[in-house]
Amino acid sequence: MIHFENVSKRFPGGHYGLSDISLQIETGAMAFVTGHSGAGKSTLLKLIALLERPTRGQLLIDGRNIGRLPEKAIPAHRRQVGLIFQDHRLLNDRSVFDNVALPLHVAGVSVREVGKRVRAALDKVGLLKKERSLPLTLSGGEQQRVGIARAIVSRPPILLADEPTGNLDSRTSAEIMELFTELNRQGQTILMVTHEDEIAAYARRLIRMRDGKIEDDTVN
């Protein structure tokens, strides 16, 4: 599904976020990317989501070189990729329902279908009864679940998670990881960045990065 072929990403000033990366993530995989700060983990995710473009090499998703997609095709590509962040990035003046519905409104989905999909996503993350709540009234773990619901509401085949448990206690982190595991069982391809060894223990595949390169790639 995701195939990096000798991909490098050079930033202004000459710094390389990624250097000659070759990596393949199969459909239905659940893989974790670890490494020190600045190792290139987040850059890897940004390239898949086309928040950045490769400087060299090819990045293929389902055989299509996304690094060459025209600007007008990027929104459609991003609807195939769910993004989950450490800081949730929720709109605090909007309800849980409205936060989750936002990607569907942007995509022009009908009001009736929006309601159906949002409630299905909230039910999946265990927050159906919180749809009218404001994010600031929720716990950190509940806010992260809202972020996950927003990422999956468009039914993307790929989920990218950047340190999704970084601000959570160990018990809540374990609950969030169980939710990701269940989403993976249902067929979604998940690529997650984490510093945390205990979270990485959930991975069937562990990719270690250092200085923009892959140091180790282990399949359990």
C-alpha atoms as a PDB file:
ATOM      1  CA  MET A   1       0.000   0.000   0.000  1.00  0.00           C
ATOM      2  CA  ILE A   2       2.685   2.545   1.044  1.00  0.00           C
ATOM      3  CA  HIS A   3       6.051   2.303  -0.664  1.00  0.00           C
ATOM      4  CA  PHE A   4       9.003   4.648  -0.173  1.00  0.00           C
ATOM      5  CA  GLU A   5      11.638   4.220  -2.890  1.00  0.00           C
ATOM      6  CA  ASN A   6      14.921   5.993  -2.034  1.00  0.00           C
ATOM      7  CA  VAL A   7      13.022   8.978  -0.644  1.00  0.00           C
ATOM      8  CA  SER A   8      14.820  12.028   0.734  1.00  0.00           C
ATOM      9  CA  LYS A   9      13.349  15.217   2.152  1.00  0.00           C
ATOM     10  CA  ARG A  10      15.584  18.302   2.228  1.00  0.00           C
ATOM     11  CA  PHE A  11      14.397  21.378   4.100  1.00  0.00           C
ATOM     12  CA  PRO A  12      15.444  24.996   3.479  1.00  0.00           C
ATOM     13  CA  GLY A  13      18.917  25.531   4.884  1.00  0.00           C
ATOM     14  CA  GLY A  14      20.136  22.154   3.720  1.00  0.00           C
ATOM     15  CA  HIS A  15      18.897  19.934   6.596  1.00  0.00           C
ATOM     16  CA  TYR A  16      17.664  16.490   5.555  1.00  0.00           C
ATOM     17  CA  GLY A  17      14.593  15.264   7.451  1.00  0.00           C
ATOM     18  CA  LEU A  18      14.798  11.963   5.574  1.00  0.00           C
ATOM     19  CA  SER A  19      17.786  10.567   3.706  1.00  0.00           C
ATOM     20  CA  ASP A  20      17.385   7.836   1.071  1.00  0.00           C
ATOM     21  CA  ILE A  21      14.534   5.977   2.802  1.00  0.00           C
ATOM     22  CA  SER A  22      13.203   2.739   1.307  1.00  0.00           C
ATOM     23  CA  LEU A  23      10.243   1.273   3.163  1.00  0.00           C
ATOM     24  CA  GLN A  24       7.096  -0.692   2.409  1.00  0.00           C
ATOM     25  CA  ILE A  25       3.946  -0.825   4.554  1.00  0.00           C
ATOM     26  CA  GLU A  26       1.459  -3.483   3.477  1.00  0.00           C
ATOM     27  CA  THR A  27      -2.307  -3.089   3.504  1.00  0.00           C
ATOM     28  CA  GLY A  28      -3.723  -3.934   6.943  1.00  0.00           C
ATOM     29  CA  ALA A  29      -0.409  -3.482   8.756  1.00  0.00           C
ATOM     30  CA  MET A  30      -0.015  -1.870  12.176  1.00  0.00           C
ATOM     31  CA  ALA A  31       3.507  -0.480  12.334  1.00  0.00           C
ATOM     32  CA  PHE A  32       5.215   1.781  14.854  1.00  0.00           C
ATOM     33  CA  VAL A  33       8.012   4.239  14.155  1.00  0.00           C
ATOM     34  CA  THR A  34      10.355   5.116  17.030  1.00  0.00           C
ATOM     35  CA  GLY A  35      13.525   7.136  17.434  1.00  0.00           C
ATOM     36  CA  HIS A  36      14.951  10.207  19.124  1.00  0.00           C
ATOM     37  CA  SER A  37      13.632  13.729  18.520  1.00  0.00           C
ATOM     38  CA  GLY A  38      14.622  14.840  15.030  1.00  0.00           C
ATOM     39  CA  ALA A  39      15.070  11.294  13.727  1.00  0.00           C
ATOM     40  CA  GLY A  40      12.620  11.901  10.886  1.00  0.00           C
ATOM     41  CA  LYS A  41       9.535  10.170  12.279  1.00  0.00           C
ATOM     42  CA  SER A  42       7.070  13.017  11.840  1.00  0.00           C
ATOM     43  CA  THR A  43       8.515  13.885   8.438  1.00  0.00           C
ATOM     44  CA  LEU A  44       7.696  10.350   7.335  1.00  0.00           C
ATOM     45  CA  LEU A  45       4.027  10.870   8.218  1.00  0.00           C
ATOM     46  CA  LYS A  46       3.885  14.344   6.678  1.00  0.00           C
ATOM     47  CA  LEU A  47       5.055  12.982   3.336  1.00  0.00           C
ATOM     48  CA  ILE A  48       2.333  10.314   3.320  1.00  0.00           C
ATOM     49  CA  ALA A  49      -0.314  12.946   4.099  1.00  0.00           C
ATOM     50  CA  LEU A  50       1.227  15.336   1.538  1.00  0.00           C
ATOM     51  CA  LEU A  51       1.795  17.993   4.155  1.00  0.00           C
ATOM     52  CA  GLU A  52       5.301  17.897   2.655  1.00  0.00           C
ATOM     53  CA  ARG A  53       6.581  16.576  -0.667  1.00  0.00           C
ATOM     54  CA  PRO A  54       9.665  14.413  -1.213  1.00  0.00           C
ATOM     55  CA  THR A  55      12.782  16.148  -2.519  1.00  0.00           C
ATOM     56  CA  ARG A  56      14.039  12.970  -4.202  1.00  0.00           C
ATOM     57  CA  GLY A  57      12.775   9.444  -4.772  1.00  0.00           C
ATOM     58  CA  GLN A  58       9.255   8.097  -5.174  1.00  0.00           C
ATOM     59  CA  LEU A  59       6.472   7.725  -2.603  1.00  0.00           C
ATOM     60  CA  LEU A  60       3.841   5.344  -3.926  1.00  0.00           C
ATOM     61  CA  ILE A  61       0.431   4.655  -2.408  1.00  0.00           C
ATOM     62  CA  ASP A  62      -1.471   1.875  -4.146  1.00  0.00           C
ATOM     63  CA  GLY A  63       1.023   2.201  -6.985  1.00  0.00           C
ATOM     64  CA  ARG A  64       0.459   5.937  -7.517  1.00  0.00           C
ATOM     65  CA  ASN A  65       3.345   8.367  -7.114  1.00  0.00           C
ATOM     66  CA  ILE A  66       1.754  10.891  -4.750  1.00  0.00           C
ATOM     67  CA  GLY A  67       4.812  13.137  -4.801  1.00  0.00           C
ATOM     68  CA  ARG A  68       3.750  14.169  -8.302  1.00  0.00           C
ATOM     69  CA  LEU A  69       0.069  14.782  -7.603  1.00  0.00           C
ATOM     70  CA  PRO A  70      -1.139  18.195  -8.795  1.00  0.00           C
ATOM     71  CA  GLU A  71      -2.269  20.625  -6.089  1.00  0.00           C
ATOM     72  CA  LYS A  72      -5.932  20.192  -7.024  1.00  0.00           C
ATOM     73  CA  ALA A  73      -5.706  16.438  -6.285  1.00  0.00           C
ATOM     74  CA  ILE A  74      -4.291  16.845  -2.762  1.00  0.00           C
ATOM     75  CA  PRO A  75      -7.651  17.283  -0.925  1.00  0.00           C
ATOM     76  CA  ALA A  76      -8.954  14.019  -2.392  1.00  0.00           C
ATOM     77  CA  HIS A  77      -5.734  12.268  -1.366  1.00  0.00           C
ATOM     78  CA  ARG A  78      -5.983  13.565   2.199  1.00  0.00           C
ATOM     79  CA  ARG A  79      -9.493  12.159   2.518  1.00  0.00           C
ATOM     80  CA  GLN A  80      -7.844   8.736   2.182  1.00  0.00           C
ATOM     81  CA  VAL A  81      -5.543   9.428   5.131  1.00  0.00           C
ATOM     82  CA  GLY A  82      -6.747   9.943   8.716  1.00  0.00           C
ATOM     83  CA  LEU A  83      -4.431  12.119  10.860  1.00  0.00           C
ATOM     84  CA  ILE A  84      -4.269  11.905  14.651  1.00  0.00           C
ATOM     85  CA  PHE A  85      -2.086  14.263  16.681  1.00  0.00           C
ATOM     86  CA  GLN A  86      -0.762  14.358  20.225  1.00  0.00           C
ATOM     87  CA  ASP A  87      -2.463  17.688  20.979  1.00  0.00           C
ATOM     88  CA  HIS A  88      -5.881  16.675  19.553  1.00  0.00           C
ATOM     89  CA  ARG A  89      -6.275  19.990  17.636  1.00  0.00           C
ATOM     90  CA  LEU A  90      -9.964  20.222  18.485  1.00  0.00           C
ATOM     91  CA  LEU A  91     -12.078  23.363  18.094  1.00  0.00           C
ATOM     92  CA  ASN A  92     -12.998  24.227  21.661  1.00  0.00           C
ATOM     93  CA  ASP A  93     -15.972  26.418  20.729  1.00  0.00           C
ATOM     94  CA  ARG A  94     -17.663  23.570  18.860  1.00  0.00           C
ATOM     95  CA  SER A  95     -19.339  20.455  20.167  1.00  0.00           C
ATOM     96  CA  VAL A  96     -17.863  16.979  19.925  1.00  0.00           C
ATOM     97  CA  PHE A  97     -20.336  16.252  17.111  1.00  0.00           C
ATOM     98  CA  ASP A  98     -19.294  19.345  15.151  1.00  0.00           C
ATOM     99  CA  ASN A  99     -15.584  18.590  15.575  1.00  0.00           C
ATOM    100  CA  VAL A 100     -16.005  15.095  14.193  1.00  0.00           C
ATOM    101  CA  ALA A 101     -18.300  16.310  11.395  1.00  0.00           C
ATOM    102  CA  LEU A 102     -15.851  18.924  10.093  1.00  0.00           C
ATOM    103  CA  PRO A 103     -14.035  16.727   7.512  1.00  0.00           C
ATOM    104  CA  LEU A 104     -17.386  15.591   6.118  1.00  0.00           C
ATOM    105  CA  HIS A 105     -18.663  19.158   5.729  1.00  0.00           C
ATOM    106  CA  VAL A 106     -15.441  20.083   3.910  1.00  0.00           C
ATOM    107  CA  ALA A 107     -15.965  17.101   1.595  1.00  0.00           C
ATOM    108  CA  GLY A 108     -19.553  18.162   0.818  1.00  0.00           C
ATOM    109  CA  VAL A 109     -21.270  15.150   2.409  1.00  0.00           C
ATOM    110  CA  SER A 110     -25.049  15.508   2.829  1.00  0.00           C
ATOM    111  CA  VAL A 111     -26.430  16.522   6.230  1.00  0.00           C
ATOM    112  CA  ARG A 112     -28.227  13.207   6.666  1.00  0.00           C
ATOM    113  CA  GLU A 113     -25.095  11.211   5.861  1.00  0.00           C
ATOM    114  CA  VAL A 114     -23.011  13.423   8.167  1.00  0.00           C
ATOM    115  CA  GLY A 115     -25.224  12.578  11.128  1.00  0.00           C
ATOM    116  CA  LYS A 116     -25.080   8.871  10.350  1.00  0.00           C
ATOM    117  CA  ARG A 117     -21.294   8.774   9.953  1.00  0.00           C
ATOM    118  CA  VAL A 118     -20.494  11.000  12.936  1.00  0.00           C
ATOM    119  CA  ARG A 119     -22.602   8.937  15.323  1.00  0.00           C
ATOM    120  CA  ALA A 120     -21.116   5.714  13.969  1.00  0.00           C
ATOM    121  CA  ALA A 121     -17.586   7.080  14.556  1.00  0.00           C
ATOM    122  CA  LEU A 122     -18.438   8.312  18.067  1.00  0.00           C
ATOM    123  CA  ASP A 123     -20.016   4.973  18.897  1.00  0.00           C
ATOM    124  CA  LYS A 124     -16.846   3.217  17.739  1.00  0.00           C
ATOM    125  CA  VAL A 125     -14.689   5.269  20.149  1.00  0.00           C
ATOM    126  CA  GLY A 126     -17.211   5.022  23.011  1.00  0.00           C
ATOM    127  CA  LEU A 127     -18.333   8.669  23.051  1.00  0.00           C
ATOM    128  CA  LEU A 128     -21.810   8.577  21.529  1.00  0.00           C
ATOM    129  CA  LYS A 129     -23.338  10.052  24.706  1.00  0.00           C
ATOM    130  CA  LYS A 130     -20.894  12.983  24.597  1.00  0.00           C
ATOM    131  CA  GLU A 131     -21.820  14.313  21.155  1.00  0.00           C
ATOM    132  CA  ARG A 132     -23.214  17.611  22.537  1.00  0.00           C
ATOM    133  CA  SER A 133     -20.315  18.216  24.942  1.00  0.00           C
ATOM    134  CA  LEU A 134     -17.595  20.798  24.391  1.00  0.00           C
ATOM    135  CA  PRO A 135     -14.022  19.465  24.222  1.00  0.00           C
ATOM    136  CA  LEU A 136     -12.874  21.389  27.314  1.00  0.00           C
ATOM    137  CA  THR A 137     -15.379  19.463  29.443  1.00  0.00           C
ATOM    138  CA  LEU A 138     -13.762  16.147  28.484  1.00  0.00           C
ATOM    139  CA  SER A 139     -10.775  14.329  29.946  1.00  0.00           C
ATOM    140  CA  GLY A 140      -7.524  14.105  27.977  1.00  0.00           C
ATOM    141  CA  GLY A 141      -8.312  10.550  26.948  1.00  0.00           C
ATOM    142  CA  GLU A 142     -11.812  11.508  25.804  1.00  0.00           C
ATOM    143  CA  GLN A 143     -10.407  14.402  23.767  1.00  0.00           C
ATOM    144  CA  GLN A 144      -8.009  12.013  22.069  1.00  0.00           C
ATOM    145  CA  ARG A 145     -10.941   9.710  21.285  1.00  0.00           C
ATOM    146  CA  VAL A 146     -12.698  12.651  19.636  1.00  0.00           C
ATOM    147  CA  GLY A 147      -9.571  13.193  17.550  1.00  0.00           C
ATOM    148  CA  ILE A 148      -9.622   9.538  16.531  1.00  0.00           C
ATOM    149  CA  ALA A 149     -13.331   9.718  15.657  1.00  0.00           C
ATOM    150  CA  ARG A 150     -12.652  12.755  13.464  1.00  0.00           C
ATOM    151  CA  ALA A 151      -9.831  10.865  11.731  1.00  0.00           C
ATOM    152  CA  ILE A 152     -11.944   7.788  10.977  1.00  0.00           C
ATOM    153  CA  VAL A 153     -15.265   9.467  10.134  1.00  0.00           C
ATOM    154  CA  SER A 154     -14.355   9.685   6.434  1.00  0.00           C
ATOM    155  CA  ARG A 155     -13.523   5.961   6.494  1.00  0.00           C
ATOM    156  CA  PRO A 156      -9.928   6.381   5.277  1.00  0.00           C
ATOM    157  CA  PRO A 157      -7.944   3.202   4.569  1.00  0.00           C
ATOM    158  CA  ILE A 158      -4.824   4.689   6.214  1.00  0.00           C
ATOM    159  CA  LEU A 159      -4.492   6.097   9.749  1.00  0.00           C
ATOM    160  CA  LEU A 160      -1.410   8.110  10.704  1.00  0.00           C
ATOM    161  CA  ALA A 161      -0.900   8.843  14.402  1.00  0.00           C
ATOM    162  CA  ASP A 162       1.828  11.180  15.665  1.00  0.00           C
ATOM    163  CA  GLU A 163       2.500  10.582  19.383  1.00  0.00           C
ATOM    164  CA  PRO A 164      -1.232  10.032  20.110  1.00  0.00           C
ATOM    165  CA  THR A 165      -0.642   8.960  23.732  1.00  0.00           C
ATOM    166  CA  GLY A 166       2.164  11.389  24.565  1.00  0.00           C
ATOM    167  CA  ASN A 167       0.065  13.507  26.971  1.00  0.00           C
ATOM    168  CA  LEU A 168      -1.866  10.651  28.572  1.00  0.00           C
ATOM    169  CA  ASP A 169      -1.323   8.564  31.700  1.00  0.00           C
ATOM    170  CA  SER A 170      -0.420   4.898  31.332  1.00  0.00           C
ATOM    171  CA  ARG A 171      -3.954   3.580  31.920  1.00  0.00           C
ATOM    172  CA  THR A 172      -5.531   5.939  29.392  1.00  0.00           C
ATOM    173  CA  SER A 173      -2.705   5.248  26.944  1.00  0.00           C
ATOM    174  CA  ALA A 174      -3.457   1.535  27.149  1.00  0.00           C
ATOM    175  CA  GLU A 175      -7.148   2.204  26.453  1.00  0.00           C
ATOM    176  CA  ILE A 176      -6.289   4.300  23.400  1.00  0.00           C
ATOM    177  CA  MET A 177      -3.927   1.603  22.165  1.00  0.00           C
ATOM    178  CA  GLU A 178      -6.643  -1.036  22.501  1.00  0.00           C
ATOM    179  CA  LEU A 179      -8.856   1.209  20.363  1.00  0.00           C
ATOM    180  CA  PHE A 180      -6.163   1.456  17.666  1.00  0.00           C
ATOM    181  CA  THR A 181      -5.717  -2.316  17.801  1.00  0.00           C
ATOM    182  CA  GLU A 182      -9.438  -2.816  17.230  1.00  0.00           C
ATOM    183  CA  LEU A 183      -9.448  -0.375  14.304  1.00  0.00           C
ATOM    184  CA  ASN A 184      -6.570  -2.341  12.810  1.00  0.00           C
ATOM    185  CA  ARG A 185      -8.498  -5.603  13.246  1.00  0.00           C
ATOM    186  CA  GLN A 186     -11.304  -3.995  11.248  1.00  0.00           C
ATOM    187  CA  GLY A 187      -8.925  -3.487   8.335  1.00  0.00           C
ATOM    188  CA  GLN A 188      -7.362  -0.053   8.656  1.00  0.00           C
ATOM    189  CA  THR A 189      -3.657   0.325   7.944  1.00  0.00           C
ATOM    190  CA  ILE A 190      -2.044   2.135  10.891  1.00  0.00           C
ATOM    191  CA  LEU A 191       1.336   3.836  11.052  1.00  0.00           C
ATOM    192  CA  MET A 192       2.109   5.358  14.437  1.00  0.00           C
ATOM    193  CA  VAL A 193       5.004   7.484  15.692  1.00  0.00           C
ATOM    194  CA  THR A 194       5.915   7.066  19.357  1.00  0.00           C
ATOM    195  CA  HIS A 195       8.786   7.519  21.793  1.00  0.00           C
ATOM    196  CA  GLU A 196       7.251   5.145  24.303  1.00  0.00           C
ATOM    197  CA  ASP A 197       8.618   1.608  24.576  1.00  0.00           C
ATOM    198  CA  GLU A 198       5.523   0.294  26.361  1.00  0.00           C
ATOM    199  CA  ILE A 199       3.304   1.489  23.523  1.00  0.00           C
ATOM    200  CA  ALA A 200       5.644   0.111  20.882  1.00  0.00           C
ATOM    201  CA  ALA A 201       5.087  -3.310  22.487  1.00  0.00           C
ATOM    202  CA  TYR A 202       1.690  -3.369  20.734  1.00  0.00           C
ATOM    203  CA  ALA A 203       3.323  -3.328  17.318  1.00  0.00           C
ATOM    204  CA  ARG A 204       3.740  -6.331  15.111  1.00  0.00           C
ATOM    205  CA  ARG A 205       6.278  -4.222  13.245  1.00  0.00           C
ATOM    206  CA  LEU A 206       8.738  -1.759  14.783  1.00  0.00           C
ATOM    207  CA  ILE A 207      10.719   0.668  12.639  1.00  0.00           C
ATOM    208  CA  ARG A 208      13.566   2.492  14.395  1.00  0.00           C
ATOM    209  CA  MET A 209      14.892   5.709  12.894  1.00  0.00           C
ATOM    210  CA  ARG A 210      18.039   7.732  13.490  1.00  0.00           C
ATOM    211  CA  ASP A 211      19.176  10.914  11.763  1.00  0.00           C
ATOM    212  CA  GLY A 212      16.686  10.603   8.938  1.00  0.00           C
ATOM    213  CA  LYS A 213      17.459   6.986   8.142  1.00  0.00           C
ATOM    214  CA  ILE A 214      16.007   3.604   9.074  1.00  0.00           C
ATOM    215  CA  GLU A 215      18.244   2.027  11.692  1.00  0.00           C
ATOM    216  CA  ASP A 216      16.217  -1.165  12.196  1.00  0.00           C
ATOM    217  CA  ASP A 217      12.987  -2.693  10.893  1.00  0.00           C
ATOM    218  CA  THR A 218      11.704  -5.619  12.958  1.00  0.00           C
ATOM    219  CA  VAL A 219       8.603  -7.739  12.347  1.00  0.00           C
ATOM    220  CA  ASN A 220       7.321  -9.623  15.406  1.00  0.00           C
END
